[in-house]
């Protein structure tokens, strides 16, 4: 297809050039080059799509897909906070693991080093608990059906250690609140709210401090 388009475009250019100034000629050549570049890009996209179908429809990169998928084995690179960590896994099926900063879906823990909020009560405890959990067994991460990345390019995942939900543990122990609920990434919202309610009734962790938990986060004042 590209060869035929080259011939057609070359013929059209030849006709146009006979009645054009040098400036016009340059404009025509630039447009022609842009058209050919677009054709090459389209052909490459088609080849990539074919390759993606051969890989089971996962588009060759987990971060560019949507829909359900099985949990993915991951390695802990480093814990960051109670609700964030850096993991490594093979996202593009090339046999190599890459590092990704991860935000734990549907929960929020107190801050430990926020530029405005500073260190909030129980933030350090949440961070240490998450670190201990992540270092205690085999990690898997799971995407929800919606977007894979947040506005900071962090992957949005549910996190498990030996099959146990890290999010549920933190909620049940009163070290996190249910937050950042953005459909359709709400697969385990009911379960998470149930764990939160248990901690709230027993006044565990963040729920033991009167007025500390708000709809917008944690009241540091």
N, C-alpha and C. Protein backbone atom coordinates (compact mmCIF):
# COMPACT_ATOMS: atom_id res chain seq x y z
N UNK A 1 0.83 -1.21 0.00
CA UNK A 1 0.00 0.00 0.00
C UNK A 1 0.87 1.26 0.00
N UNK A 2 1.90 1.24 0.82
CA UNK A 2 2.78 2.39 0.91
C UNK A 2 3.43 2.70 -0.44
N UNK A 3 3.87 1.66 -1.18
CA UNK A 3 4.53 1.87 -2.48
C UNK A 3 3.60 2.57 -3.46
N UNK A 4 2.32 2.12 -3.49
CA UNK A 4 1.35 2.75 -4.39
C UNK A 4 1.13 4.21 -4.01
N UNK A 5 1.04 4.47 -2.71
CA UNK A 5 0.84 5.84 -2.27
C UNK A 5 2.04 6.70 -2.59
N UNK A 6 3.23 6.13 -2.51
CA UNK A 6 4.43 6.87 -2.89
C UNK A 6 4.37 7.32 -4.34
N UNK A 7 3.94 6.39 -5.21
CA UNK A 7 3.86 6.69 -6.64
C UNK A 7 2.83 7.78 -6.91
N UNK A 8 1.65 7.64 -6.26
CA UNK A 8 0.58 8.62 -6.46
C UNK A 8 1.01 9.99 -5.96
N UNK A 9 1.61 9.99 -4.76
CA UNK A 9 2.04 11.25 -4.18
C UNK A 9 3.14 11.89 -5.00
N UNK A 10 4.08 11.07 -5.50
CA UNK A 10 5.17 11.60 -6.30
C UNK A 10 4.65 12.23 -7.59
N UNK A 11 3.65 11.60 -8.21
CA UNK A 11 3.07 12.15 -9.43
C UNK A 11 2.37 13.47 -9.16
N UNK A 12 1.63 13.51 -8.03
CA UNK A 12 0.93 14.73 -7.69
C UNK A 12 1.90 15.86 -7.37
N UNK A 13 2.96 15.50 -6.68
CA UNK A 13 3.97 16.51 -6.34
C UNK A 13 4.62 17.06 -7.58
N UNK A 14 4.92 16.19 -8.54
CA UNK A 14 5.58 16.63 -9.78
C UNK A 14 4.72 17.65 -10.52
N UNK A 15 3.42 17.41 -10.56
CA UNK A 15 2.51 18.34 -11.24
C UNK A 15 2.49 19.68 -10.51
N UNK A 16 2.41 19.60 -9.18
CA UNK A 16 2.33 20.81 -8.41
C UNK A 16 3.60 21.64 -8.49
N UNK A 17 4.75 20.97 -8.51
CA UNK A 17 6.02 21.67 -8.48
C UNK A 17 6.25 22.53 -9.72
N UNK A 18 5.64 22.13 -10.84
CA UNK A 18 5.87 22.85 -12.09
C UNK A 18 5.37 24.29 -12.05
N UNK A 19 4.41 24.56 -11.13
CA UNK A 19 3.82 25.90 -11.08
C UNK A 19 4.00 26.56 -9.71
N UNK A 20 5.00 26.07 -8.94
CA UNK A 20 5.17 26.56 -7.57
C UNK A 20 6.46 27.33 -7.40
N UNK A 21 6.45 28.23 -6.41
CA UNK A 21 7.68 28.90 -6.01
C UNK A 21 8.49 27.93 -5.15
N UNK A 22 9.73 28.32 -4.82
CA UNK A 22 10.57 27.48 -3.96
C UNK A 22 9.94 27.30 -2.60
N UNK A 23 9.34 28.35 -2.08
CA UNK A 23 8.68 28.25 -0.78
C UNK A 23 7.51 27.27 -0.83
N UNK A 24 6.74 27.35 -1.92
CA UNK A 24 5.63 26.42 -2.08
C UNK A 24 6.12 24.98 -2.18
N UNK A 25 7.23 24.80 -2.89
CA UNK A 25 7.80 23.46 -3.06
C UNK A 25 8.15 22.87 -1.71
N UNK A 26 8.80 23.65 -0.86
CA UNK A 26 9.17 23.17 0.46
C UNK A 26 7.95 22.78 1.28
N UNK A 27 6.89 23.59 1.17
CA UNK A 27 5.66 23.27 1.90
C UNK A 27 5.08 21.95 1.43
N UNK A 28 5.05 21.74 0.11
CA UNK A 28 4.50 20.50 -0.44
C UNK A 28 5.31 19.30 0.01
N UNK A 29 6.63 19.44 -0.02
CA UNK A 29 7.49 18.32 0.37
C UNK A 29 7.31 17.98 1.85
N UNK A 30 7.13 19.01 2.69
CA UNK A 30 6.92 18.76 4.11
C UNK A 30 5.62 18.01 4.34
N UNK A 31 4.55 18.44 3.63
CA UNK A 31 3.26 17.77 3.76
C UNK A 31 3.37 16.32 3.29
N UNK A 32 4.07 16.12 2.18
CA UNK A 32 4.25 14.76 1.66
C UNK A 32 4.96 13.88 2.67
N UNK A 33 6.00 14.42 3.29
CA UNK A 33 6.74 13.66 4.29
C UNK A 33 5.87 13.33 5.49
N UNK A 34 5.03 14.29 5.89
CA UNK A 34 4.12 14.04 7.00
C UNK A 34 3.13 12.93 6.68
N UNK A 35 2.63 12.91 5.45
CA UNK A 35 1.69 11.87 5.03
C UNK A 35 2.36 10.51 5.09
N UNK A 36 3.58 10.43 4.54
CA UNK A 36 4.29 9.15 4.55
C UNK A 36 4.61 8.70 5.96
N UNK A 37 4.97 9.64 6.83
CA UNK A 37 5.24 9.30 8.23
C UNK A 37 3.98 8.77 8.90
N UNK A 38 2.85 9.40 8.60
CA UNK A 38 1.58 8.94 9.18
C UNK A 38 1.23 7.54 8.71
N UNK A 39 1.52 7.26 7.43
CA UNK A 39 1.25 5.92 6.88
C UNK A 39 2.12 4.88 7.59
N UNK A 40 3.40 5.20 7.76
CA UNK A 40 4.30 4.27 8.44
C UNK A 40 3.85 4.02 9.87
N UNK A 41 3.40 5.10 10.55
CA UNK A 41 2.93 4.95 11.92
C UNK A 41 1.70 4.07 11.98
N UNK A 42 0.79 4.26 11.04
CA UNK A 42 -0.43 3.44 11.00
C UNK A 42 -0.09 1.98 10.76
N UNK A 43 0.85 1.72 9.85
CA UNK A 43 1.26 0.34 9.59
C UNK A 43 1.87 -0.29 10.83
N UNK A 44 2.68 0.49 11.57
CA UNK A 44 3.28 -0.03 12.79
C UNK A 44 2.22 -0.32 13.84
N UNK A 45 1.23 0.57 13.96
CA UNK A 45 0.13 0.34 14.90
C UNK A 45 -0.63 -0.93 14.56
N UNK A 46 -0.84 -1.17 13.26
CA UNK A 46 -1.54 -2.38 12.85
C UNK A 46 -0.74 -3.62 13.21
N UNK A 47 0.60 -3.53 13.02
CA UNK A 47 1.44 -4.68 13.40
C UNK A 47 1.40 -4.91 14.90
N UNK A 48 1.42 -3.81 15.68
CA UNK A 48 1.35 -3.95 17.13
C UNK A 48 0.03 -4.55 17.57
N UNK A 49 -1.04 -4.15 16.88
CA UNK A 49 -2.36 -4.70 17.22
C UNK A 49 -2.40 -6.20 16.95
N UNK A 50 -1.80 -6.61 15.82
CA UNK A 50 -1.75 -8.04 15.51
C UNK A 50 -0.97 -8.79 16.57
N UNK A 51 0.14 -8.22 17.01
CA UNK A 51 0.95 -8.85 18.05
C UNK A 51 0.18 -8.93 19.36
N UNK A 52 -0.61 -7.89 19.64
CA UNK A 52 -1.39 -7.88 20.87
C UNK A 52 -2.43 -8.98 20.87
N UNK A 53 -3.08 -9.20 19.72
CA UNK A 53 -4.06 -10.27 19.64
C UNK A 53 -3.41 -11.62 19.84
N UNK A 54 -2.20 -11.77 19.34
CA UNK A 54 -1.47 -13.02 19.53
C UNK A 54 -1.14 -13.25 21.00
N UNK A 55 -1.06 -12.16 21.81
CA UNK A 55 -0.72 -12.29 23.22
C UNK A 55 -1.97 -12.35 24.09
N UNK A 56 -3.11 -12.63 23.49
CA UNK A 56 -4.32 -12.79 24.28
C UNK A 56 -5.06 -11.50 24.52
N UNK A 57 -4.82 -10.49 23.70
CA UNK A 57 -5.58 -9.26 23.80
C UNK A 57 -5.13 -8.32 24.90
N UNK A 58 -3.95 -8.49 25.45
CA UNK A 58 -3.50 -7.65 26.55
C UNK A 58 -2.66 -6.46 26.07
N UNK A 59 -2.72 -6.18 24.78
CA UNK A 59 -2.13 -4.99 24.17
C UNK A 59 -0.64 -4.87 24.35
N UNK A 60 0.02 -5.93 24.78
CA UNK A 60 1.46 -5.90 24.91
C UNK A 60 1.96 -5.09 26.09
N UNK A 61 1.07 -4.49 26.85
CA UNK A 61 1.47 -3.71 28.02
C UNK A 61 0.28 -3.63 28.97
N UNK A 62 0.47 -4.14 30.18
CA UNK A 62 -0.62 -4.18 31.14
C UNK A 62 -1.15 -2.80 31.50
N UNK A 63 -0.30 -1.79 31.44
CA UNK A 63 -0.71 -0.46 31.85
C UNK A 63 -1.58 0.23 30.81
N UNK A 64 -1.66 -0.33 29.61
CA UNK A 64 -2.45 0.27 28.54
C UNK A 64 -3.74 -0.49 28.28
N UNK A 65 -4.11 -1.36 29.20
CA UNK A 65 -5.32 -2.15 29.04
C UNK A 65 -6.36 -1.73 30.07
N UNK A 66 -7.56 -2.22 29.86
CA UNK A 66 -8.63 -2.09 30.85
C UNK A 66 -9.33 -3.43 30.95
N UNK A 67 -10.10 -3.61 32.03
CA UNK A 67 -10.80 -4.87 32.20
C UNK A 67 -10.14 -5.73 33.26
N UNK A 68 -10.81 -6.81 33.61
CA UNK A 68 -10.31 -7.69 34.65
C UNK A 68 -9.11 -8.48 34.18
N UNK A 69 -8.25 -8.79 35.12
CA UNK A 69 -7.13 -9.69 34.85
C UNK A 69 -6.71 -10.34 36.16
N UNK A 70 -5.99 -11.42 36.05
CA UNK A 70 -5.56 -12.15 37.24
C UNK A 70 -4.49 -11.37 38.00
N UNK A 71 -4.35 -11.64 39.31
CA UNK A 71 -3.27 -11.00 40.07
C UNK A 71 -1.90 -11.28 39.45
N UNK A 72 -1.00 -10.32 39.59
CA UNK A 72 0.32 -10.38 38.96
C UNK A 72 1.40 -10.49 40.03
N UNK A 73 2.30 -11.45 39.93
CA UNK A 73 3.41 -11.52 40.89
C UNK A 73 4.27 -10.27 40.79
N UNK A 74 4.70 -9.75 41.94
CA UNK A 74 5.52 -8.55 41.96
C UNK A 74 6.55 -8.65 43.07
N UNK A 75 7.62 -7.90 42.91
CA UNK A 75 8.66 -7.82 43.94
C UNK A 75 8.62 -6.45 44.59
N UNK A 76 8.86 -6.43 45.89
CA UNK A 76 8.94 -5.15 46.59
C UNK A 76 10.30 -4.52 46.34
N UNK A 77 10.30 -3.30 45.83
CA UNK A 77 11.54 -2.54 45.68
C UNK A 77 11.80 -1.75 46.95
N UNK A 78 10.77 -1.01 47.40
CA UNK A 78 10.86 -0.29 48.67
C UNK A 78 9.48 0.19 49.09
N UNK A 79 9.19 0.17 50.37
CA UNK A 79 7.96 0.80 50.84
C UNK A 79 8.15 2.31 50.86
N UNK A 80 7.09 3.05 50.68
CA UNK A 80 7.17 4.51 50.66
C UNK A 80 6.36 5.11 51.79
N UNK A 81 5.13 4.66 51.92
CA UNK A 81 4.21 5.19 52.93
C UNK A 81 3.22 4.09 53.27
N UNK A 82 2.24 4.43 54.10
CA UNK A 82 1.26 3.42 54.46
C UNK A 82 0.44 2.93 53.28
N UNK A 83 0.23 3.80 52.30
CA UNK A 83 -0.61 3.43 51.16
C UNK A 83 0.12 3.51 49.82
N UNK A 84 1.43 3.56 49.85
CA UNK A 84 2.21 3.59 48.61
C UNK A 84 3.48 2.76 48.76
N UNK A 85 3.94 2.22 47.64
CA UNK A 85 5.18 1.45 47.62
C UNK A 85 5.68 1.39 46.19
N UNK A 86 6.90 0.93 46.02
CA UNK A 86 7.46 0.73 44.69
C UNK A 86 7.62 -0.77 44.47
N UNK A 87 7.03 -1.26 43.37
CA UNK A 87 7.11 -2.68 43.02
C UNK A 87 7.79 -2.84 41.67
N UNK A 88 8.28 -4.03 41.41
CA UNK A 88 8.79 -4.35 40.08
C UNK A 88 8.06 -5.58 39.55
N UNK A 89 7.71 -5.54 38.26
CA UNK A 89 7.07 -6.68 37.59
C UNK A 89 7.20 -6.50 36.09
N UNK A 90 6.90 -7.56 35.38
CA UNK A 90 7.01 -7.54 33.91
C UNK A 90 5.71 -7.03 33.33
N UNK A 91 5.67 -5.74 32.99
CA UNK A 91 4.43 -5.11 32.51
C UNK A 91 4.24 -5.23 31.02
N UNK A 92 5.31 -5.44 30.26
CA UNK A 92 5.17 -5.46 28.80
C UNK A 92 5.60 -6.78 28.17
N UNK A 93 5.68 -7.82 28.98
CA UNK A 93 5.89 -9.19 28.48
C UNK A 93 7.21 -9.37 27.74
N UNK A 94 8.22 -8.61 28.14
CA UNK A 94 9.51 -8.77 27.47
C UNK A 94 10.49 -9.58 28.29
N UNK A 95 10.01 -10.13 29.40
CA UNK A 95 10.87 -10.94 30.25
C UNK A 95 11.69 -10.15 31.25
N UNK A 96 11.57 -8.82 31.21
CA UNK A 96 12.32 -7.95 32.12
C UNK A 96 11.35 -7.24 33.07
N UNK A 97 11.75 -7.13 34.33
CA UNK A 97 10.92 -6.43 35.31
C UNK A 97 11.31 -4.96 35.38
N UNK A 98 10.28 -4.11 35.40
CA UNK A 98 10.49 -2.68 35.54
C UNK A 98 9.88 -2.21 36.86
N UNK A 99 10.39 -1.08 37.37
CA UNK A 99 9.91 -0.56 38.63
C UNK A 99 8.76 0.42 38.42
N UNK A 100 7.77 0.33 39.32
CA UNK A 100 6.60 1.21 39.24
C UNK A 100 6.21 1.67 40.64
N UNK A 101 6.00 2.96 40.79
CA UNK A 101 5.43 3.48 42.02
C UNK A 101 3.96 3.12 42.05
N UNK A 102 3.47 2.63 43.18
CA UNK A 102 2.10 2.12 43.26
C UNK A 102 1.32 2.83 44.36
N UNK A 103 0.08 3.16 44.04
CA UNK A 103 -0.88 3.70 45.01
C UNK A 103 -1.91 2.62 45.28
N UNK A 104 -2.13 2.32 46.57
CA UNK A 104 -3.07 1.27 46.94
C UNK A 104 -4.51 1.78 46.75
N UNK A 105 -5.28 1.05 45.98
CA UNK A 105 -6.63 1.47 45.65
C UNK A 105 -7.55 1.54 46.88
N UNK A 106 -8.38 2.59 46.89
CA UNK A 106 -9.52 2.74 47.79
C UNK A 106 -9.17 2.99 49.26
N UNK A 107 -7.90 3.26 49.58
CA UNK A 107 -7.57 3.57 50.97
C UNK A 107 -6.69 4.81 51.05
N UNK A 108 -6.64 5.36 52.26
CA UNK A 108 -5.79 6.51 52.54
C UNK A 108 -5.24 6.35 53.95
N UNK A 109 -3.94 6.52 54.12
CA UNK A 109 -3.33 6.45 55.44
C UNK A 109 -2.76 7.82 55.80
N UNK A 110 -2.56 8.10 57.07
CA UNK A 110 -1.98 9.39 57.46
C UNK A 110 -0.60 9.59 56.86
N UNK A 111 -0.26 10.84 56.63
CA UNK A 111 1.01 11.19 55.99
C UNK A 111 2.19 11.07 56.96
N UNK A 112 3.37 10.84 56.38
CA UNK A 112 4.59 10.80 57.18
C UNK A 112 5.56 11.90 56.81
N UNK A 113 5.46 12.42 55.58
CA UNK A 113 6.41 13.45 55.15
C UNK A 113 5.80 14.37 54.09
N UNK A 114 4.55 14.73 54.29
CA UNK A 114 3.86 15.59 53.34
C UNK A 114 4.41 17.01 53.42
N UNK A 115 4.64 17.68 52.27
CA UNK A 115 5.23 19.03 52.30
C UNK A 115 4.39 20.06 53.03
N UNK A 116 3.06 19.89 53.04
CA UNK A 116 2.20 20.83 53.76
C UNK A 116 1.72 20.26 55.10
N UNK A 117 1.35 18.98 55.10
CA UNK A 117 0.75 18.39 56.29
C UNK A 117 1.78 17.84 57.27
N UNK A 118 3.00 17.62 56.78
CA UNK A 118 4.04 17.10 57.65
C UNK A 118 3.79 15.67 58.08
N UNK A 119 4.14 15.35 59.32
CA UNK A 119 3.93 14.01 59.86
C UNK A 119 2.65 14.00 60.68
N UNK A 120 1.68 13.20 60.25
CA UNK A 120 0.39 13.14 60.92
C UNK A 120 0.37 11.99 61.94
N UNK A 121 -0.48 12.11 62.96
CA UNK A 121 -0.60 11.03 63.94
C UNK A 121 -0.91 9.69 63.28
N UNK A 122 -0.19 8.66 63.68
CA UNK A 122 -0.33 7.28 63.21
C UNK A 122 0.17 7.07 61.78
N UNK A 123 0.73 8.10 61.17
CA UNK A 123 1.29 7.93 59.84
C UNK A 123 2.49 7.00 59.84
N UNK A 124 3.37 7.18 60.80
CA UNK A 124 4.56 6.33 60.90
C UNK A 124 4.18 4.89 61.23
N UNK A 125 3.17 4.73 62.08
CA UNK A 125 2.70 3.38 62.42
C UNK A 125 2.14 2.66 61.18
N UNK A 126 1.37 3.42 60.37
CA UNK A 126 0.81 2.83 59.15
C UNK A 126 1.92 2.43 58.19
N UNK A 127 2.92 3.30 58.04
CA UNK A 127 4.03 3.01 57.15
C UNK A 127 4.78 1.75 57.60
N UNK A 128 5.08 1.65 58.88
CA UNK A 128 5.83 0.50 59.40
C UNK A 128 5.01 -0.79 59.26
N UNK A 129 3.70 -0.68 59.47
CA UNK A 129 2.85 -1.87 59.33
C UNK A 129 2.81 -2.35 57.89
N UNK A 130 2.68 -1.41 56.96
CA UNK A 130 2.70 -1.78 55.54
C UNK A 130 4.03 -2.41 55.17
N UNK A 131 5.11 -1.82 55.62
CA UNK A 131 6.44 -2.37 55.33
C UNK A 131 6.57 -3.79 55.87
N UNK A 132 6.12 -4.01 57.08
CA UNK A 132 6.20 -5.34 57.68
C UNK A 132 5.37 -6.35 56.89
N UNK A 133 4.17 -5.94 56.49
CA UNK A 133 3.31 -6.84 55.72
C UNK A 133 3.95 -7.20 54.38
N UNK A 134 4.48 -6.20 53.68
CA UNK A 134 5.05 -6.43 52.35
C UNK A 134 6.31 -7.28 52.40
N UNK A 135 6.98 -7.29 53.52
CA UNK A 135 8.21 -8.07 53.65
C UNK A 135 7.98 -9.46 54.23
N UNK A 136 6.69 -9.79 54.46
CA UNK A 136 6.40 -11.04 55.17
C UNK A 136 6.03 -12.21 54.26
N UNK A 137 5.96 -12.00 52.95
CA UNK A 137 5.58 -13.10 52.07
C UNK A 137 5.62 -12.72 50.61
N UNK A 138 5.00 -13.54 49.78
CA UNK A 138 4.98 -13.33 48.33
C UNK A 138 3.91 -12.29 47.98
N UNK A 139 4.30 -11.34 47.16
CA UNK A 139 3.41 -10.22 46.81
C UNK A 139 2.75 -10.47 45.45
N UNK A 140 1.48 -10.16 45.38
CA UNK A 140 0.79 -10.07 44.09
C UNK A 140 0.02 -8.75 44.07
N UNK A 141 -0.13 -8.18 42.89
CA UNK A 141 -0.91 -6.95 42.72
C UNK A 141 -2.02 -7.21 41.73
N UNK A 142 -3.09 -6.46 41.88
CA UNK A 142 -4.27 -6.68 41.04
C UNK A 142 -4.85 -5.34 40.59
N UNK A 143 -5.07 -5.19 39.30
CA UNK A 143 -5.72 -3.98 38.79
C UNK A 143 -7.23 -4.13 38.86
N UNK A 144 -7.92 -3.00 38.93
CA UNK A 144 -9.38 -3.02 38.82
C UNK A 144 -9.73 -2.86 37.34
N UNK A 145 -11.00 -2.68 37.02
CA UNK A 145 -11.41 -2.68 35.61
C UNK A 145 -11.20 -1.34 34.92
N UNK A 146 -10.96 -0.29 35.70
CA UNK A 146 -10.82 1.04 35.12
C UNK A 146 -9.39 1.43 34.85
N UNK A 147 -9.09 2.71 35.05
CA UNK A 147 -7.76 3.22 34.73
C UNK A 147 -6.68 2.56 35.56
N UNK A 148 -5.51 2.42 34.95
CA UNK A 148 -4.38 1.75 35.60
C UNK A 148 -3.47 2.74 36.32
N UNK A 149 -3.49 4.02 35.92
CA UNK A 149 -2.57 5.01 36.47
C UNK A 149 -3.32 6.20 37.04
N UNK A 150 -2.75 6.82 38.08
CA UNK A 150 -3.33 8.06 38.57
C UNK A 150 -2.64 9.24 37.91
N UNK A 151 -2.97 10.46 38.33
CA UNK A 151 -2.42 11.65 37.67
C UNK A 151 -0.93 11.83 37.91
N UNK A 152 -0.39 11.08 38.89
CA UNK A 152 1.04 11.13 39.15
C UNK A 152 1.78 9.96 38.49
N UNK A 153 1.08 9.24 37.61
CA UNK A 153 1.64 8.08 36.91
C UNK A 153 2.00 6.93 37.84
N UNK A 154 1.30 6.84 38.95
CA UNK A 154 1.45 5.69 39.83
C UNK A 154 0.43 4.63 39.43
N UNK A 155 0.83 3.37 39.46
CA UNK A 155 -0.14 2.32 39.17
C UNK A 155 -1.13 2.24 40.33
N UNK A 156 -2.39 1.94 40.01
CA UNK A 156 -3.46 1.83 40.99
C UNK A 156 -3.80 0.36 41.17
N UNK A 157 -3.51 -0.19 42.35
CA UNK A 157 -3.60 -1.64 42.52
C UNK A 157 -4.14 -2.03 43.90
N UNK A 158 -4.67 -3.24 43.92
CA UNK A 158 -4.91 -3.94 45.17
C UNK A 158 -3.66 -4.76 45.44
N UNK A 159 -3.27 -4.84 46.70
CA UNK A 159 -2.01 -5.49 47.04
C UNK A 159 -2.27 -6.66 47.99
N UNK A 160 -1.62 -7.78 47.69
CA UNK A 160 -1.80 -8.99 48.50
C UNK A 160 -0.44 -9.54 48.91
N UNK A 161 -0.40 -10.12 50.09
CA UNK A 161 0.78 -10.85 50.56
C UNK A 161 0.32 -12.24 50.95
N UNK A 162 0.84 -13.23 50.26
CA UNK A 162 0.39 -14.63 50.45
C UNK A 162 -1.13 -14.74 50.35
N UNK A 163 -1.70 -13.97 49.43
CA UNK A 163 -3.13 -14.04 49.17
C UNK A 163 -4.00 -13.20 50.10
N UNK A 164 -3.40 -12.55 51.09
CA UNK A 164 -4.16 -11.74 52.04
C UNK A 164 -4.09 -10.27 51.63
N UNK A 165 -5.21 -9.58 51.67
CA UNK A 165 -5.28 -8.19 51.25
C UNK A 165 -4.59 -7.25 52.24
N UNK A 166 -3.62 -6.50 51.75
CA UNK A 166 -2.96 -5.50 52.59
C UNK A 166 -3.92 -4.38 52.93
N UNK A 167 -4.74 -3.98 51.97
CA UNK A 167 -5.72 -2.92 52.23
C UNK A 167 -6.67 -3.30 53.36
N UNK A 168 -7.17 -4.51 53.32
CA UNK A 168 -8.11 -4.94 54.35
C UNK A 168 -7.45 -4.98 55.72
N UNK A 169 -6.19 -5.41 55.78
CA UNK A 169 -5.46 -5.45 57.04
C UNK A 169 -5.36 -4.05 57.64
N UNK A 170 -4.96 -3.08 56.83
CA UNK A 170 -4.78 -1.72 57.32
C UNK A 170 -6.10 -1.11 57.77
N UNK A 171 -7.17 -1.39 57.04
CA UNK A 171 -8.49 -0.88 57.42
C UNK A 171 -8.97 -1.52 58.71
N UNK A 172 -8.79 -2.81 58.82
CA UNK A 172 -9.26 -3.54 59.99
C UNK A 172 -8.51 -3.12 61.25
N UNK A 173 -7.25 -2.76 61.09
CA UNK A 173 -6.43 -2.38 62.24
C UNK A 173 -6.51 -0.89 62.56
N UNK A 174 -7.33 -0.15 61.80
CA UNK A 174 -7.51 1.26 62.08
C UNK A 174 -6.35 2.12 61.66
N UNK A 175 -5.61 1.69 60.64
CA UNK A 175 -4.47 2.45 60.15
C UNK A 175 -4.74 3.10 58.79
N UNK A 176 -5.97 2.93 58.29
CA UNK A 176 -6.35 3.51 57.00
C UNK A 176 -7.85 3.77 57.00
N UNK A 177 -8.25 4.68 56.14
CA UNK A 177 -9.67 4.94 55.92
C UNK A 177 -10.00 4.65 54.47
N UNK A 178 -11.25 4.33 54.17
CA UNK A 178 -11.70 4.16 52.80
C UNK A 178 -11.76 5.54 52.15
N UNK A 179 -11.13 5.67 50.99
CA UNK A 179 -11.05 6.98 50.34
C UNK A 179 -10.72 6.83 48.86
N UNK A 180 -10.76 7.96 48.15
CA UNK A 180 -10.45 8.00 46.72
C UNK A 180 -11.26 6.95 45.95
N UNK A 181 -12.55 7.05 46.11
CA UNK A 181 -13.47 6.10 45.46
C UNK A 181 -13.88 6.67 44.11
N UNK A 182 -13.29 6.13 43.06
CA UNK A 182 -13.55 6.60 41.70
C UNK A 182 -13.99 5.42 40.83
N UNK A 183 -15.33 5.29 40.62
CA UNK A 183 -15.81 4.22 39.74
C UNK A 183 -15.15 4.32 38.37
N UNK A 184 -14.92 3.19 37.70
CA UNK A 184 -15.37 1.85 38.07
C UNK A 184 -14.38 1.07 38.93
N UNK A 185 -13.34 1.72 39.47
CA UNK A 185 -12.37 1.00 40.31
C UNK A 185 -12.88 0.85 41.74
N UNK A 186 -13.95 0.05 41.88
CA UNK A 186 -14.59 -0.10 43.19
C UNK A 186 -14.90 -1.57 43.50
N UNK A 187 -14.11 -2.46 42.95
CA UNK A 187 -14.44 -3.89 43.04
C UNK A 187 -14.61 -4.38 44.49
N UNK A 188 -13.76 -3.90 45.39
CA UNK A 188 -13.80 -4.41 46.77
C UNK A 188 -14.27 -3.35 47.76
N UNK A 189 -15.02 -2.38 47.27
CA UNK A 189 -15.46 -1.29 48.14
C UNK A 189 -16.30 -1.79 49.31
N UNK A 190 -17.23 -2.69 49.06
CA UNK A 190 -18.10 -3.19 50.14
C UNK A 190 -17.28 -3.89 51.22
N UNK A 191 -16.33 -4.73 50.79
CA UNK A 191 -15.50 -5.45 51.76
C UNK A 191 -14.64 -4.47 52.57
N UNK A 192 -14.12 -3.47 51.90
CA UNK A 192 -13.27 -2.49 52.58
C UNK A 192 -14.08 -1.68 53.59
N UNK A 193 -15.28 -1.27 53.21
CA UNK A 193 -16.11 -0.50 54.12
C UNK A 193 -16.52 -1.33 55.34
N UNK A 194 -16.69 -2.62 55.14
CA UNK A 194 -17.01 -3.51 56.26
C UNK A 194 -15.85 -3.57 57.25
N UNK A 195 -14.62 -3.69 56.73
CA UNK A 195 -13.44 -3.72 57.60
C UNK A 195 -13.28 -2.39 58.34
N UNK A 196 -13.55 -1.29 57.64
CA UNK A 196 -13.45 0.02 58.26
C UNK A 196 -14.46 0.17 59.38
N UNK A 197 -15.66 -0.31 59.14
CA UNK A 197 -16.71 -0.20 60.15
C UNK A 197 -16.35 -0.98 61.41
N UNK A 198 -15.70 -2.12 61.24
CA UNK A 198 -15.25 -2.93 62.38
C UNK A 198 -14.26 -2.14 63.22
N UNK A 199 -13.27 -1.53 62.55
CA UNK A 199 -12.26 -0.75 63.27
C UNK A 199 -12.88 0.47 63.94
N UNK A 200 -13.84 1.08 63.27
CA UNK A 200 -14.49 2.27 63.81
C UNK A 200 -15.28 1.94 65.07
N UNK A 201 -15.99 0.83 65.05
CA UNK A 201 -16.78 0.42 66.22
C UNK A 201 -15.88 0.12 67.41
N UNK A 202 -14.72 -0.45 67.13
CA UNK A 202 -13.78 -0.82 68.20
C UNK A 202 -12.81 0.31 68.53
N UNK A 203 -12.98 1.46 67.84
CA UNK A 203 -12.15 2.64 68.07
C UNK A 203 -10.66 2.31 67.98
N UNK A 204 -10.30 1.63 66.92
CA UNK A 204 -8.91 1.27 66.71
C UNK A 204 -8.17 2.37 65.94
N UNK A 205 -6.92 2.56 66.27
CA UNK A 205 -6.05 3.43 65.49
C UNK A 205 -6.61 4.82 65.26
N UNK A 206 -6.79 5.17 63.99
CA UNK A 206 -7.25 6.52 63.62
C UNK A 206 -8.61 6.85 64.21
N UNK A 207 -9.39 5.83 64.52
CA UNK A 207 -10.73 6.04 65.05
C UNK A 207 -10.71 6.27 66.56
N UNK A 208 -9.56 6.16 67.18
CA UNK A 208 -9.45 6.40 68.62
C UNK A 208 -9.23 7.87 68.93
N UNK A 209 -8.96 8.68 67.91
CA UNK A 209 -8.71 10.11 68.08
C UNK A 209 -9.95 10.88 67.64
N UNK A 210 -10.59 11.54 68.58
CA UNK A 210 -11.85 12.23 68.29
C UNK A 210 -11.65 13.31 67.23
N UNK A 211 -12.46 13.24 66.16
CA UNK A 211 -12.44 14.23 65.10
C UNK A 211 -11.25 14.15 64.16
N UNK A 212 -10.45 13.10 64.27
CA UNK A 212 -9.24 13.01 63.45
C UNK A 212 -9.56 12.66 61.99
N UNK A 213 -10.49 11.74 61.78
CA UNK A 213 -10.84 11.30 60.43
C UNK A 213 -11.95 12.18 59.88
N UNK A 214 -11.73 12.74 58.70
CA UNK A 214 -12.74 13.56 58.04
C UNK A 214 -12.96 13.03 56.62
N UNK A 215 -13.95 13.61 55.95
CA UNK A 215 -14.23 13.20 54.58
C UNK A 215 -13.10 13.59 53.63
N UNK A 216 -12.29 14.55 54.02
CA UNK A 216 -11.23 15.06 53.15
C UNK A 216 -9.84 14.57 53.56
N UNK A 217 -9.79 13.75 54.60
CA UNK A 217 -8.49 13.24 55.03
C UNK A 217 -8.40 13.16 56.53
N UNK A 218 -7.27 13.63 57.07
CA UNK A 218 -7.04 13.56 58.51
C UNK A 218 -6.80 14.97 59.05
N UNK A 219 -7.45 15.26 60.17
CA UNK A 219 -7.37 16.58 60.79
C UNK A 219 -6.13 16.66 61.68
N UNK A 220 -5.11 17.35 61.19
CA UNK A 220 -3.85 17.41 61.94
C UNK A 220 -3.87 18.47 63.03
N UNK A 221 -4.89 19.31 63.05
CA UNK A 221 -4.93 20.41 64.04
C UNK A 221 -5.37 19.92 65.42
